[in-house]
N, C-alpha and C. Protein backbone atom coordinates (compact mmCIF):
# COMPACT_ATOMS: atom_id res chain seq x y z
N UNK A 1 14.07 -14.03 -65.12
CA UNK A 1 14.84 -14.68 -64.10
C UNK A 1 13.96 -15.73 -63.44
N UNK A 2 14.55 -16.85 -63.11
CA UNK A 2 13.87 -17.94 -62.44
C UNK A 2 14.44 -18.07 -61.04
N UNK A 3 13.58 -18.04 -60.04
CA UNK A 3 14.01 -18.29 -58.67
C UNK A 3 13.90 -19.76 -58.39
N UNK A 4 14.89 -20.32 -57.72
CA UNK A 4 14.93 -21.76 -57.54
C UNK A 4 15.18 -22.08 -56.08
N UNK A 5 14.20 -22.68 -55.44
CA UNK A 5 14.31 -23.13 -54.06
C UNK A 5 14.81 -24.56 -54.07
N UNK A 6 15.76 -24.85 -53.17
CA UNK A 6 16.23 -26.23 -53.12
C UNK A 6 15.12 -27.14 -52.60
N UNK A 7 15.29 -28.44 -52.79
CA UNK A 7 14.29 -29.45 -52.46
C UNK A 7 13.80 -29.29 -51.02
N UNK A 8 12.49 -29.39 -50.81
CA UNK A 8 11.91 -29.20 -49.49
C UNK A 8 12.02 -30.41 -48.58
N UNK A 9 12.52 -31.50 -49.04
CA UNK A 9 12.66 -32.67 -48.19
C UNK A 9 13.66 -32.36 -47.08
N UNK A 10 13.23 -32.50 -45.85
CA UNK A 10 14.08 -32.16 -44.71
C UNK A 10 15.38 -32.96 -44.69
N UNK A 11 15.34 -34.17 -45.20
CA UNK A 11 16.54 -35.01 -45.16
C UNK A 11 17.24 -35.11 -46.51
N UNK A 12 16.95 -34.14 -47.40
CA UNK A 12 17.58 -34.17 -48.73
C UNK A 12 19.09 -34.04 -48.58
N UNK A 13 19.81 -34.87 -49.27
CA UNK A 13 21.27 -34.83 -49.23
C UNK A 13 21.76 -33.69 -50.11
N UNK A 14 22.87 -33.12 -49.73
CA UNK A 14 23.43 -32.01 -50.49
C UNK A 14 23.71 -32.43 -51.94
N UNK A 15 24.24 -33.61 -52.16
CA UNK A 15 24.51 -34.05 -53.54
C UNK A 15 23.24 -34.10 -54.38
N UNK A 16 22.15 -34.57 -53.79
CA UNK A 16 20.87 -34.61 -54.51
C UNK A 16 20.39 -33.20 -54.84
N UNK A 17 20.54 -32.30 -53.88
CA UNK A 17 20.13 -30.91 -54.09
C UNK A 17 20.95 -30.27 -55.19
N UNK A 18 22.26 -30.48 -55.17
CA UNK A 18 23.13 -29.89 -56.19
C UNK A 18 22.81 -30.44 -57.57
N UNK A 19 22.55 -31.74 -57.66
CA UNK A 19 22.17 -32.34 -58.94
C UNK A 19 20.87 -31.72 -59.45
N UNK A 20 19.91 -31.56 -58.56
CA UNK A 20 18.63 -30.94 -58.91
C UNK A 20 18.84 -29.50 -59.39
N UNK A 21 19.62 -28.72 -58.67
CA UNK A 21 19.86 -27.33 -59.05
C UNK A 21 20.53 -27.24 -60.43
N UNK A 22 21.51 -28.09 -60.67
CA UNK A 22 22.18 -28.10 -61.99
C UNK A 22 21.20 -28.49 -63.10
N UNK A 23 20.37 -29.48 -62.83
CA UNK A 23 19.40 -29.94 -63.84
C UNK A 23 18.44 -28.82 -64.22
N UNK A 24 17.90 -28.14 -63.23
CA UNK A 24 16.97 -27.05 -63.52
C UNK A 24 17.70 -25.93 -64.26
N UNK A 25 18.87 -25.53 -63.77
CA UNK A 25 19.61 -24.44 -64.41
C UNK A 25 19.97 -24.78 -65.86
N UNK A 26 20.33 -26.03 -66.10
CA UNK A 26 20.70 -26.45 -67.45
C UNK A 26 19.50 -26.51 -68.40
N UNK A 27 18.29 -26.54 -67.84
CA UNK A 27 17.10 -26.70 -68.68
C UNK A 27 16.51 -25.36 -69.15
N UNK A 28 17.07 -24.25 -68.69
CA UNK A 28 16.55 -22.93 -69.07
C UNK A 28 17.69 -22.02 -69.51
N UNK A 29 17.32 -20.98 -70.24
CA UNK A 29 18.32 -20.02 -70.73
C UNK A 29 18.17 -18.66 -70.07
N UNK A 30 17.55 -18.61 -68.92
CA UNK A 30 17.37 -17.35 -68.22
C UNK A 30 18.20 -17.36 -66.94
N UNK A 31 18.47 -16.19 -66.37
CA UNK A 31 19.25 -16.16 -65.12
C UNK A 31 18.53 -16.90 -63.99
N UNK A 32 19.32 -17.54 -63.16
CA UNK A 32 18.80 -18.31 -62.03
C UNK A 32 19.20 -17.63 -60.73
N UNK A 33 18.23 -17.55 -59.83
CA UNK A 33 18.52 -17.12 -58.46
C UNK A 33 18.31 -18.33 -57.57
N UNK A 34 19.37 -18.77 -56.92
CA UNK A 34 19.25 -19.83 -55.94
C UNK A 34 18.57 -19.26 -54.70
N UNK A 35 17.88 -20.10 -53.97
CA UNK A 35 17.21 -19.67 -52.75
C UNK A 35 17.67 -20.59 -51.64
N UNK A 36 18.52 -20.07 -50.77
CA UNK A 36 19.01 -20.85 -49.65
C UNK A 36 18.12 -20.59 -48.43
N UNK A 37 17.32 -21.56 -48.10
CA UNK A 37 16.37 -21.46 -46.99
C UNK A 37 16.52 -22.70 -46.12
N UNK A 38 17.65 -22.82 -45.43
CA UNK A 38 17.94 -24.07 -44.72
C UNK A 38 16.93 -24.40 -43.62
N UNK A 39 16.29 -23.40 -43.03
CA UNK A 39 15.30 -23.67 -41.99
C UNK A 39 14.10 -24.45 -42.51
N UNK A 40 13.80 -24.29 -43.79
CA UNK A 40 12.66 -24.99 -44.39
C UNK A 40 13.08 -26.23 -45.16
N UNK A 41 14.28 -26.20 -45.74
CA UNK A 41 14.68 -27.30 -46.61
C UNK A 41 15.54 -28.35 -45.91
N UNK A 42 16.18 -27.96 -44.81
CA UNK A 42 17.10 -28.87 -44.15
C UNK A 42 18.44 -28.97 -44.84
N UNK A 43 18.65 -28.18 -45.89
CA UNK A 43 19.91 -28.18 -46.64
C UNK A 43 20.43 -26.75 -46.69
N UNK A 44 21.64 -26.55 -46.20
CA UNK A 44 22.27 -25.25 -46.29
C UNK A 44 23.23 -25.25 -47.47
N UNK A 45 23.06 -24.27 -48.35
CA UNK A 45 23.98 -24.11 -49.47
C UNK A 45 25.15 -23.26 -48.99
N UNK A 46 26.24 -23.91 -48.64
CA UNK A 46 27.41 -23.22 -48.10
C UNK A 46 28.02 -22.29 -49.16
N UNK A 47 28.66 -21.21 -48.73
CA UNK A 47 29.22 -20.24 -49.69
C UNK A 47 30.13 -20.86 -50.75
N UNK A 48 31.03 -21.74 -50.36
CA UNK A 48 31.94 -22.32 -51.36
C UNK A 48 31.20 -23.22 -52.34
N UNK A 49 30.16 -23.88 -51.88
CA UNK A 49 29.32 -24.71 -52.77
C UNK A 49 28.60 -23.82 -53.77
N UNK A 50 28.04 -22.70 -53.29
CA UNK A 50 27.35 -21.75 -54.17
C UNK A 50 28.32 -21.18 -55.19
N UNK A 51 29.50 -20.80 -54.74
CA UNK A 51 30.51 -20.26 -55.66
C UNK A 51 30.90 -21.26 -56.73
N UNK A 52 31.07 -22.52 -56.33
CA UNK A 52 31.41 -23.57 -57.29
C UNK A 52 30.28 -23.74 -58.31
N UNK A 53 29.03 -23.77 -57.83
CA UNK A 53 27.89 -23.90 -58.75
C UNK A 53 27.85 -22.74 -59.73
N UNK A 54 28.05 -21.53 -59.23
CA UNK A 54 28.00 -20.34 -60.10
C UNK A 54 29.13 -20.35 -61.13
N UNK A 55 30.26 -20.92 -60.78
CA UNK A 55 31.38 -21.02 -61.72
C UNK A 55 31.13 -22.10 -62.77
N UNK A 56 30.41 -23.15 -62.38
CA UNK A 56 30.15 -24.27 -63.29
C UNK A 56 28.94 -24.03 -64.20
N UNK A 57 27.95 -23.30 -63.73
CA UNK A 57 26.69 -23.12 -64.46
C UNK A 57 26.52 -21.63 -64.73
N UNK A 58 26.67 -21.24 -66.00
CA UNK A 58 26.72 -19.82 -66.37
C UNK A 58 25.50 -19.01 -65.95
N UNK A 59 24.32 -19.62 -65.97
CA UNK A 59 23.12 -18.82 -65.69
C UNK A 59 22.75 -18.79 -64.20
N UNK A 60 23.53 -19.41 -63.33
CA UNK A 60 23.33 -19.22 -61.89
C UNK A 60 24.07 -17.94 -61.54
N UNK A 61 23.29 -16.87 -61.29
CA UNK A 61 23.90 -15.53 -61.12
C UNK A 61 23.56 -14.87 -59.80
N UNK A 62 22.57 -15.36 -59.10
CA UNK A 62 22.11 -14.70 -57.88
C UNK A 62 21.79 -15.74 -56.82
N UNK A 63 21.84 -15.29 -55.58
CA UNK A 63 21.37 -16.13 -54.48
C UNK A 63 20.62 -15.26 -53.49
N UNK A 64 19.50 -15.77 -53.03
CA UNK A 64 18.81 -15.19 -51.88
C UNK A 64 19.19 -16.08 -50.71
N UNK A 65 19.99 -15.52 -49.80
CA UNK A 65 20.45 -16.29 -48.65
C UNK A 65 19.59 -15.96 -47.45
N UNK A 66 18.75 -16.90 -47.06
CA UNK A 66 17.84 -16.74 -45.94
C UNK A 66 18.29 -17.64 -44.79
N UNK A 67 19.59 -17.68 -44.59
CA UNK A 67 20.14 -18.49 -43.50
C UNK A 67 20.16 -17.72 -42.19
N UNK A 68 19.99 -16.40 -42.23
CA UNK A 68 20.08 -15.53 -41.05
C UNK A 68 21.49 -15.53 -40.48
N UNK A 69 22.46 -15.87 -41.30
CA UNK A 69 23.85 -15.97 -40.89
C UNK A 69 24.66 -14.92 -41.64
N UNK A 70 24.96 -13.81 -40.99
CA UNK A 70 25.67 -12.73 -41.66
C UNK A 70 27.10 -13.13 -42.01
N UNK A 71 27.69 -14.02 -41.23
CA UNK A 71 29.03 -14.51 -41.58
C UNK A 71 28.99 -15.25 -42.91
N UNK A 72 27.96 -16.06 -43.11
CA UNK A 72 27.80 -16.78 -44.37
C UNK A 72 27.56 -15.80 -45.52
N UNK A 73 26.70 -14.81 -45.30
CA UNK A 73 26.45 -13.81 -46.35
C UNK A 73 27.74 -13.08 -46.70
N UNK A 74 28.54 -12.76 -45.69
CA UNK A 74 29.82 -12.09 -45.94
C UNK A 74 30.74 -12.94 -46.79
N UNK A 75 30.76 -14.24 -46.55
CA UNK A 75 31.58 -15.13 -47.37
C UNK A 75 31.08 -15.17 -48.81
N UNK A 76 29.77 -15.20 -49.00
CA UNK A 76 29.22 -15.16 -50.36
C UNK A 76 29.64 -13.88 -51.07
N UNK A 77 29.52 -12.76 -50.38
CA UNK A 77 29.83 -11.44 -50.96
C UNK A 77 31.30 -11.34 -51.29
N UNK A 78 32.17 -11.68 -50.35
CA UNK A 78 33.61 -11.44 -50.52
C UNK A 78 34.36 -12.55 -51.25
N UNK A 79 33.96 -13.78 -51.07
CA UNK A 79 34.67 -14.88 -51.74
C UNK A 79 34.15 -15.14 -53.15
N UNK A 80 32.86 -14.85 -53.38
CA UNK A 80 32.25 -15.28 -54.63
C UNK A 80 31.49 -14.17 -55.35
N UNK A 81 31.67 -12.94 -54.92
CA UNK A 81 30.98 -11.82 -55.53
C UNK A 81 31.34 -11.60 -56.98
N UNK A 82 32.43 -12.19 -57.43
CA UNK A 82 32.81 -12.06 -58.84
C UNK A 82 31.94 -12.92 -59.76
N UNK A 83 31.23 -13.91 -59.18
CA UNK A 83 30.40 -14.80 -60.02
C UNK A 83 28.94 -14.86 -59.61
N UNK A 84 28.61 -14.36 -58.42
CA UNK A 84 27.21 -14.43 -57.98
C UNK A 84 26.89 -13.23 -57.10
N UNK A 85 25.72 -12.65 -57.33
CA UNK A 85 25.27 -11.51 -56.52
C UNK A 85 24.42 -12.03 -55.37
N UNK A 86 24.71 -11.54 -54.18
CA UNK A 86 24.03 -12.02 -52.98
C UNK A 86 22.95 -11.04 -52.53
N UNK A 87 21.76 -11.58 -52.35
CA UNK A 87 20.65 -10.86 -51.74
C UNK A 87 20.38 -11.56 -50.41
N UNK A 88 20.32 -10.80 -49.35
CA UNK A 88 20.05 -11.38 -48.04
C UNK A 88 18.55 -11.41 -47.83
N UNK A 89 18.04 -12.51 -47.36
CA UNK A 89 16.61 -12.70 -47.17
C UNK A 89 16.22 -12.71 -45.71
N UNK A 90 16.90 -11.93 -44.91
CA UNK A 90 16.56 -11.85 -43.48
C UNK A 90 16.47 -10.37 -43.15
N UNK A 91 15.25 -9.89 -42.98
CA UNK A 91 14.96 -8.46 -42.89
C UNK A 91 15.81 -7.71 -41.87
N UNK A 92 15.98 -8.28 -40.70
CA UNK A 92 16.70 -7.58 -39.64
C UNK A 92 18.20 -7.48 -39.89
N UNK A 93 18.67 -8.06 -40.99
CA UNK A 93 20.08 -7.94 -41.36
C UNK A 93 20.30 -6.90 -42.47
N UNK A 94 19.28 -6.14 -42.80
CA UNK A 94 19.39 -5.19 -43.91
C UNK A 94 20.57 -4.24 -43.74
N UNK A 95 20.68 -3.58 -42.61
CA UNK A 95 21.74 -2.60 -42.40
C UNK A 95 23.12 -3.24 -42.59
N UNK A 96 23.33 -4.36 -41.94
CA UNK A 96 24.61 -5.05 -42.05
C UNK A 96 24.87 -5.56 -43.46
N UNK A 97 23.84 -6.13 -44.09
CA UNK A 97 24.02 -6.74 -45.41
C UNK A 97 24.40 -5.70 -46.46
N UNK A 98 23.70 -4.58 -46.49
CA UNK A 98 24.02 -3.55 -47.48
C UNK A 98 25.38 -2.94 -47.19
N UNK A 99 25.65 -2.69 -45.91
CA UNK A 99 26.96 -2.14 -45.54
C UNK A 99 28.08 -3.09 -45.94
N UNK A 100 27.80 -4.39 -45.88
CA UNK A 100 28.81 -5.41 -46.21
C UNK A 100 29.03 -5.54 -47.71
N UNK A 101 28.05 -5.08 -48.51
CA UNK A 101 28.19 -5.16 -49.96
C UNK A 101 27.22 -6.06 -50.66
N UNK A 102 26.16 -6.51 -49.97
CA UNK A 102 25.14 -7.33 -50.62
C UNK A 102 24.51 -6.54 -51.76
N UNK A 103 24.08 -7.25 -52.79
CA UNK A 103 23.40 -6.61 -53.92
C UNK A 103 22.07 -6.03 -53.47
N UNK A 104 21.47 -6.62 -52.45
CA UNK A 104 20.20 -6.15 -51.94
C UNK A 104 19.70 -7.04 -50.83
N UNK A 105 18.51 -6.69 -50.35
CA UNK A 105 17.84 -7.46 -49.32
C UNK A 105 16.41 -7.66 -49.78
N UNK A 106 15.93 -8.88 -49.70
CA UNK A 106 14.53 -9.18 -50.00
C UNK A 106 13.81 -9.25 -48.67
N UNK A 107 12.98 -8.22 -48.43
CA UNK A 107 12.42 -8.03 -47.10
C UNK A 107 10.90 -8.01 -47.13
N UNK A 108 10.29 -8.95 -46.43
CA UNK A 108 8.84 -8.94 -46.30
C UNK A 108 8.36 -7.70 -45.57
N UNK A 109 9.20 -7.15 -44.70
CA UNK A 109 8.83 -5.93 -43.97
C UNK A 109 8.72 -4.72 -44.88
N UNK A 110 9.18 -4.84 -46.12
CA UNK A 110 9.00 -3.74 -47.08
C UNK A 110 7.52 -3.52 -47.37
N UNK A 111 6.69 -4.49 -47.06
CA UNK A 111 5.25 -4.31 -47.18
C UNK A 111 4.72 -3.34 -46.14
N UNK A 112 5.46 -3.13 -45.08
CA UNK A 112 5.05 -2.29 -43.95
C UNK A 112 5.79 -0.96 -43.95
N UNK A 113 7.07 -0.98 -44.28
CA UNK A 113 7.92 0.20 -44.17
C UNK A 113 8.77 0.39 -45.42
N UNK A 114 8.17 0.45 -46.59
CA UNK A 114 8.96 0.53 -47.82
C UNK A 114 9.82 1.78 -47.92
N UNK A 115 9.26 2.94 -47.64
CA UNK A 115 10.03 4.18 -47.77
C UNK A 115 11.20 4.20 -46.79
N UNK A 116 10.98 3.67 -45.61
CA UNK A 116 12.03 3.67 -44.60
C UNK A 116 13.19 2.75 -45.01
N UNK A 117 12.88 1.59 -45.54
CA UNK A 117 13.94 0.67 -45.96
C UNK A 117 14.69 1.21 -47.16
N UNK A 118 13.98 1.82 -48.10
CA UNK A 118 14.64 2.44 -49.25
C UNK A 118 15.54 3.57 -48.80
N UNK A 119 15.08 4.38 -47.86
CA UNK A 119 15.89 5.49 -47.36
C UNK A 119 17.18 5.00 -46.70
N UNK A 120 17.08 3.94 -45.93
CA UNK A 120 18.28 3.36 -45.30
C UNK A 120 19.22 2.83 -46.37
N UNK A 121 18.68 2.14 -47.36
CA UNK A 121 19.49 1.62 -48.46
C UNK A 121 20.21 2.76 -49.17
N UNK A 122 19.50 3.82 -49.47
CA UNK A 122 20.11 4.97 -50.15
C UNK A 122 21.18 5.63 -49.30
N UNK A 123 20.93 5.75 -48.01
CA UNK A 123 21.94 6.34 -47.12
C UNK A 123 23.22 5.50 -47.12
N UNK A 124 23.05 4.19 -47.07
CA UNK A 124 24.23 3.32 -47.09
C UNK A 124 24.98 3.42 -48.41
N UNK A 125 24.25 3.44 -49.53
CA UNK A 125 24.90 3.56 -50.84
C UNK A 125 25.61 4.90 -50.99
N UNK A 126 25.12 5.93 -50.28
CA UNK A 126 25.75 7.25 -50.31
C UNK A 126 26.84 7.38 -49.25
N UNK A 127 27.15 6.30 -48.58
CA UNK A 127 28.17 6.26 -47.52
C UNK A 127 27.83 7.17 -46.35
N UNK A 128 26.54 7.35 -46.09
CA UNK A 128 26.08 8.15 -44.95
C UNK A 128 25.65 7.19 -43.84
N UNK A 129 26.62 6.58 -43.21
CA UNK A 129 26.35 5.57 -42.19
C UNK A 129 25.61 6.16 -40.99
N UNK A 130 25.93 7.38 -40.61
CA UNK A 130 25.25 7.99 -39.46
C UNK A 130 23.75 8.11 -39.72
N UNK A 131 23.37 8.59 -40.91
CA UNK A 131 21.95 8.71 -41.24
C UNK A 131 21.29 7.33 -41.30
N UNK A 132 21.97 6.36 -41.92
CA UNK A 132 21.42 5.01 -42.02
C UNK A 132 21.19 4.42 -40.63
N UNK A 133 22.16 4.58 -39.74
CA UNK A 133 22.02 4.03 -38.39
C UNK A 133 20.91 4.73 -37.61
N UNK A 134 20.78 6.04 -37.78
CA UNK A 134 19.71 6.77 -37.08
C UNK A 134 18.33 6.31 -37.57
N UNK A 135 18.19 6.16 -38.89
CA UNK A 135 16.92 5.70 -39.44
C UNK A 135 16.64 4.25 -39.02
N UNK A 136 17.68 3.44 -39.00
CA UNK A 136 17.52 2.05 -38.58
C UNK A 136 17.07 1.97 -37.13
N UNK A 137 17.67 2.79 -36.28
CA UNK A 137 17.30 2.79 -34.86
C UNK A 137 15.83 3.17 -34.68
N UNK A 138 15.33 4.03 -35.54
CA UNK A 138 13.93 4.46 -35.44
C UNK A 138 12.97 3.32 -35.82
N UNK A 139 13.31 2.52 -36.81
CA UNK A 139 12.40 1.45 -37.25
C UNK A 139 12.68 0.11 -36.58
N UNK A 140 13.82 0.00 -35.92
CA UNK A 140 14.23 -1.31 -35.39
C UNK A 140 13.23 -1.91 -34.40
N UNK A 141 12.62 -1.14 -33.50
CA UNK A 141 11.65 -1.79 -32.59
C UNK A 141 10.54 -2.54 -33.35
N UNK A 142 10.03 -1.95 -34.41
CA UNK A 142 9.00 -2.64 -35.20
C UNK A 142 9.61 -3.82 -35.95
N UNK A 143 10.77 -3.62 -36.54
CA UNK A 143 11.45 -4.72 -37.24
C UNK A 143 11.66 -5.90 -36.29
N UNK A 144 12.14 -5.61 -35.11
CA UNK A 144 12.41 -6.66 -34.13
C UNK A 144 11.12 -7.37 -33.70
N UNK A 145 10.07 -6.61 -33.49
CA UNK A 145 8.79 -7.22 -33.10
C UNK A 145 8.28 -8.15 -34.19
N UNK A 146 8.39 -7.74 -35.44
CA UNK A 146 7.95 -8.58 -36.56
C UNK A 146 8.81 -9.83 -36.67
N UNK A 147 10.12 -9.64 -36.59
CA UNK A 147 11.04 -10.77 -36.77
C UNK A 147 11.03 -11.73 -35.58
N UNK A 148 10.54 -11.27 -34.43
CA UNK A 148 10.49 -12.12 -33.23
C UNK A 148 9.20 -12.92 -33.13
N UNK A 149 8.25 -12.62 -33.98
CA UNK A 149 6.96 -13.33 -33.99
C UNK A 149 6.92 -14.25 -35.21
N UNK A 150 5.96 -15.14 -35.29
CA UNK A 150 5.81 -15.91 -36.53
C UNK A 150 5.68 -14.94 -37.71
N UNK A 151 6.52 -15.09 -38.71
CA UNK A 151 6.73 -14.05 -39.71
C UNK A 151 5.49 -13.68 -40.52
N UNK A 152 4.84 -14.63 -41.15
CA UNK A 152 3.69 -14.31 -42.01
C UNK A 152 2.57 -13.63 -41.21
N UNK A 153 2.16 -14.19 -40.06
CA UNK A 153 1.13 -13.50 -39.29
C UNK A 153 1.58 -12.11 -38.82
N UNK A 154 2.86 -11.96 -38.50
CA UNK A 154 3.36 -10.66 -38.04
C UNK A 154 3.32 -9.63 -39.16
N UNK A 155 3.71 -10.03 -40.37
CA UNK A 155 3.65 -9.10 -41.51
C UNK A 155 2.19 -8.71 -41.76
N UNK A 156 1.31 -9.69 -41.75
CA UNK A 156 -0.11 -9.37 -41.99
C UNK A 156 -0.65 -8.44 -40.91
N UNK A 157 -0.30 -8.67 -39.66
CA UNK A 157 -0.76 -7.80 -38.58
C UNK A 157 -0.23 -6.38 -38.77
N UNK A 158 1.02 -6.26 -39.17
CA UNK A 158 1.62 -4.94 -39.38
C UNK A 158 0.98 -4.23 -40.57
N UNK A 159 0.77 -4.94 -41.67
CA UNK A 159 0.12 -4.32 -42.83
C UNK A 159 -1.31 -3.91 -42.47
N UNK A 160 -2.04 -4.77 -41.77
CA UNK A 160 -3.38 -4.41 -41.32
C UNK A 160 -3.34 -3.13 -40.47
N UNK A 161 -2.31 -2.99 -39.63
CA UNK A 161 -2.19 -1.81 -38.76
C UNK A 161 -1.91 -0.54 -39.54
N UNK A 162 -1.41 -0.67 -40.78
CA UNK A 162 -1.18 0.53 -41.60
C UNK A 162 -2.49 1.05 -42.19
N UNK A 163 -3.55 0.26 -42.09
CA UNK A 163 -4.83 0.65 -42.65
C UNK A 163 -5.18 -0.08 -43.93
N UNK A 164 -4.25 -0.88 -44.42
CA UNK A 164 -4.51 -1.69 -45.61
C UNK A 164 -4.93 -3.08 -45.14
N UNK A 165 -6.19 -3.40 -45.34
CA UNK A 165 -6.72 -4.66 -44.82
C UNK A 165 -6.28 -5.82 -45.71
N UNK A 166 -5.44 -6.69 -45.14
CA UNK A 166 -4.99 -7.89 -45.86
C UNK A 166 -5.48 -9.17 -45.20
N UNK A 167 -6.25 -9.02 -44.12
CA UNK A 167 -6.84 -10.17 -43.48
C UNK A 167 -5.86 -10.98 -42.66
N UNK A 168 -6.28 -12.18 -42.34
CA UNK A 168 -5.50 -13.11 -41.53
C UNK A 168 -4.77 -14.10 -42.43
N UNK A 169 -3.77 -14.78 -41.91
CA UNK A 169 -3.09 -15.81 -42.71
C UNK A 169 -4.06 -16.93 -43.08
N UNK A 170 -3.74 -17.61 -44.18
CA UNK A 170 -4.52 -18.79 -44.57
C UNK A 170 -4.11 -19.97 -43.70
N UNK A 171 -5.09 -20.82 -43.41
CA UNK A 171 -4.80 -22.03 -42.65
C UNK A 171 -3.85 -22.91 -43.44
N UNK A 172 -2.99 -23.59 -42.77
CA UNK A 172 -2.99 -23.89 -41.35
C UNK A 172 -2.28 -22.84 -40.49
N UNK A 173 -1.74 -21.78 -41.09
CA UNK A 173 -1.05 -20.75 -40.33
C UNK A 173 -2.09 -19.95 -39.52
N UNK A 174 -1.80 -19.75 -38.27
CA UNK A 174 -2.70 -19.03 -37.39
C UNK A 174 -2.27 -17.58 -37.25
N UNK A 175 -3.22 -16.72 -36.92
CA UNK A 175 -2.90 -15.33 -36.63
C UNK A 175 -2.16 -15.21 -35.31
N UNK A 176 -1.71 -14.01 -35.01
CA UNK A 176 -0.99 -13.76 -33.76
C UNK A 176 -1.96 -13.66 -32.59
N UNK A 177 -1.45 -13.83 -31.40
CA UNK A 177 -2.27 -13.60 -30.21
C UNK A 177 -2.54 -12.09 -30.11
N UNK A 178 -3.54 -11.73 -29.33
CA UNK A 178 -3.99 -10.34 -29.24
C UNK A 178 -2.89 -9.41 -28.73
N UNK A 179 -2.11 -9.85 -27.77
CA UNK A 179 -1.07 -8.99 -27.20
C UNK A 179 0.02 -8.67 -28.23
N UNK A 180 0.44 -9.66 -28.98
CA UNK A 180 1.47 -9.43 -30.00
C UNK A 180 0.92 -8.55 -31.11
N UNK A 181 -0.31 -8.79 -31.52
CA UNK A 181 -0.94 -7.96 -32.55
C UNK A 181 -1.01 -6.51 -32.08
N UNK A 182 -1.41 -6.30 -30.84
CA UNK A 182 -1.51 -4.93 -30.29
C UNK A 182 -0.14 -4.27 -30.22
N UNK A 183 0.88 -5.02 -29.84
CA UNK A 183 2.24 -4.46 -29.75
C UNK A 183 2.72 -4.04 -31.14
N UNK A 184 2.51 -4.89 -32.13
CA UNK A 184 2.93 -4.54 -33.50
C UNK A 184 2.15 -3.33 -34.00
N UNK A 185 0.86 -3.30 -33.74
CA UNK A 185 0.05 -2.15 -34.18
C UNK A 185 0.53 -0.86 -33.53
N UNK A 186 0.88 -0.92 -32.27
CA UNK A 186 1.39 0.26 -31.56
C UNK A 186 2.72 0.72 -32.16
N UNK A 187 3.57 -0.21 -32.51
CA UNK A 187 4.87 0.14 -33.10
C UNK A 187 4.71 0.68 -34.51
N UNK A 188 3.75 0.18 -35.27
CA UNK A 188 3.46 0.73 -36.60
C UNK A 188 3.03 2.18 -36.43
N UNK A 189 2.14 2.44 -35.50
CA UNK A 189 1.66 3.81 -35.26
C UNK A 189 2.81 4.73 -34.85
N UNK A 190 3.68 4.25 -33.97
CA UNK A 190 4.83 5.04 -33.54
C UNK A 190 5.75 5.36 -34.71
N UNK A 191 6.00 4.39 -35.56
CA UNK A 191 6.85 4.62 -36.73
C UNK A 191 6.23 5.64 -37.66
N UNK A 192 4.94 5.52 -37.90
CA UNK A 192 4.25 6.40 -38.84
C UNK A 192 4.12 7.82 -38.31
N UNK A 193 4.17 8.00 -36.99
CA UNK A 193 4.00 9.33 -36.42
C UNK A 193 5.28 10.15 -36.45
N UNK A 194 6.38 9.56 -36.81
CA UNK A 194 7.65 10.30 -36.91
C UNK A 194 7.74 11.07 -38.19
């Protein structure tokens, strides 16, 4: 499978992006996962556009939607689920996304809480919403702290707090301030002590 991020030019026109996506997809014979990351690319791949692309290009089969817009993810799932599988790329939407019918969630926080996220996923797939919500409530303070800070430094701080030394982010990305690092470390410890 080939993951494909749309053009990083902030002012890239949607038509240019779609032409680029078609060109890449047409040049390979493996499944394509589109990557909708409008915060970085300046281009949002709207659900109907994604559905049209998936209907036109046979090997476009998946999308990682990192728009942080659950309404958009719901449209991808319900309007176009017959031609494209949706993976949500916003960690704090895991509970909602799986409950809504997403194929999965690509979560950087799985580096910190893999067993917990898998357990929530399994509870949702087993239609045990009460268990999923209880487990989600237990990990949510840490999830929220990570998602509320600059993401890469927050993930690194949380992984470091688990005892696995992964160091600081590479420049130009800076590490977190001491207070945020301490808060995340405290929440990691609280999660692990349950």
